[in-house]
Protein backbone atom coordinates (compact mmCIF):
# COMPACT_ATOMS: atom_id res chain seq x y z
CA ALA A 1 163.37 84.01 20.75
CA ASP A 2 159.85 82.52 20.77
CA THR A 3 160.17 81.36 24.38
CA LEU A 4 161.40 84.77 25.47
CA LYS A 5 158.45 86.45 23.72
CA MET A 6 156.03 84.01 25.37
CA LEU A 7 157.46 84.58 28.87
CA GLU A 8 157.25 88.34 28.45
CA ALA A 9 153.74 88.25 26.92
CA GLU A 10 152.40 86.00 29.69
CA ASN A 11 154.03 88.12 32.44
CA ARG A 12 156.01 85.11 33.65
CA VAL A 13 159.22 87.07 34.29
CA VAL A 14 159.25 87.58 38.06
CA PHE A 15 162.79 88.87 38.72
CA ARG A 16 165.16 91.03 36.70
CA TYR A 17 168.68 92.15 37.45
CA ALA A 18 168.92 95.84 38.24
CA GLU A 19 170.33 97.88 35.38
CA GLY A 20 174.05 97.28 35.06
CA THR A 21 174.14 94.30 37.44
CA ASN A 22 173.45 91.40 35.08
CA PRO A 23 176.39 89.09 35.92
CA ASN A 24 175.74 86.42 33.32
CA GLY A 25 174.40 88.31 30.31
CA ALA A 26 170.85 87.00 30.71
CA LEU A 27 168.54 88.21 27.95
CA ASN A 28 166.33 91.14 28.99
CA ASP A 29 168.10 91.04 32.38
CA ILE A 30 165.85 88.12 33.37
CA ALA A 31 166.84 86.60 36.72
CA GLY A 32 163.71 84.55 37.46
CA ILE A 33 160.66 83.09 35.73
CA MET A 34 157.57 81.17 36.81
CA ASN A 35 155.59 78.33 35.32
CA ALA A 36 152.24 78.93 33.61
CA SER A 37 150.21 78.37 36.80
CA GLY A 38 152.47 80.65 38.86
CA SER A 39 153.14 77.92 41.41
CA VAL A 40 156.84 77.38 40.64
CA ILE A 41 159.58 79.99 40.38
CA GLY A 42 163.07 79.38 39.05
CA MET A 43 165.77 81.96 39.53
CA MET A 44 169.42 82.37 38.64
CA PRO A 45 170.78 84.20 41.69
CA HIS A 46 171.19 81.78 44.56
CA PRO A 47 170.34 83.68 47.76
CA GLU A 48 170.49 80.50 49.85
CA ARG A 49 174.26 80.51 49.31
CA VAL A 50 174.92 83.89 50.93
CA PHE A 51 172.32 84.41 53.66
CA ARG A 52 175.01 85.29 56.22
CA THR A 53 177.30 88.25 55.69
CA VAL A 54 180.42 86.13 56.34
CA GLN A 55 179.56 84.25 53.14
CA ASN A 56 180.02 87.42 51.07
CA SER A 57 183.43 88.43 49.81
CA TRP A 58 182.71 91.95 51.11
CA HIS A 59 179.86 93.64 52.94
CA PRO A 60 179.23 96.94 54.71
CA ASN A 61 179.57 96.78 58.50
CA GLU A 62 175.97 97.87 59.00
CA TRP A 63 174.76 94.54 57.59
CA GLN A 64 176.01 92.84 60.76
CA GLU A 65 175.30 89.06 60.71
CA ARG A 66 172.35 88.84 58.30
CA SER A 67 172.74 89.57 54.61
CA PRO A 68 170.02 91.24 52.52
CA TRP A 69 169.36 87.87 50.90
CA LEU A 70 168.19 86.48 54.24
CA ARG A 71 165.57 89.22 54.39
CA MET A 72 164.04 87.79 51.22
CA PHE A 73 163.37 84.50 53.01
CA GLU A 74 162.17 86.26 56.17
CA ASN A 75 159.74 88.35 54.14
CA ALA A 76 158.43 85.26 52.37
CA ARG A 77 157.80 83.63 55.75
CA LYS A 78 155.97 86.75 57.02
CA TRP A 79 153.81 86.73 53.91
CA ILE A 80 152.92 83.05 54.42
CA ASP A 81 152.07 83.55 58.08
């Protein structure tokens, strides 16, 4: 409880599951946190495992080859560049 309060108070929660999509029962729907300096992020979803649509059990046809998770990595690269 104290750690959860600290993370929330220090704004170290960086990702939350959307309402109703918390697959593991994480407290406060927390999906990712960062260290005190903000230089390291840990997250529960593993987007590196499903960056291609064929890796998903189902996907809409309009996704084509690249899953939405791949866009997260592409956007990070754009931000760095």
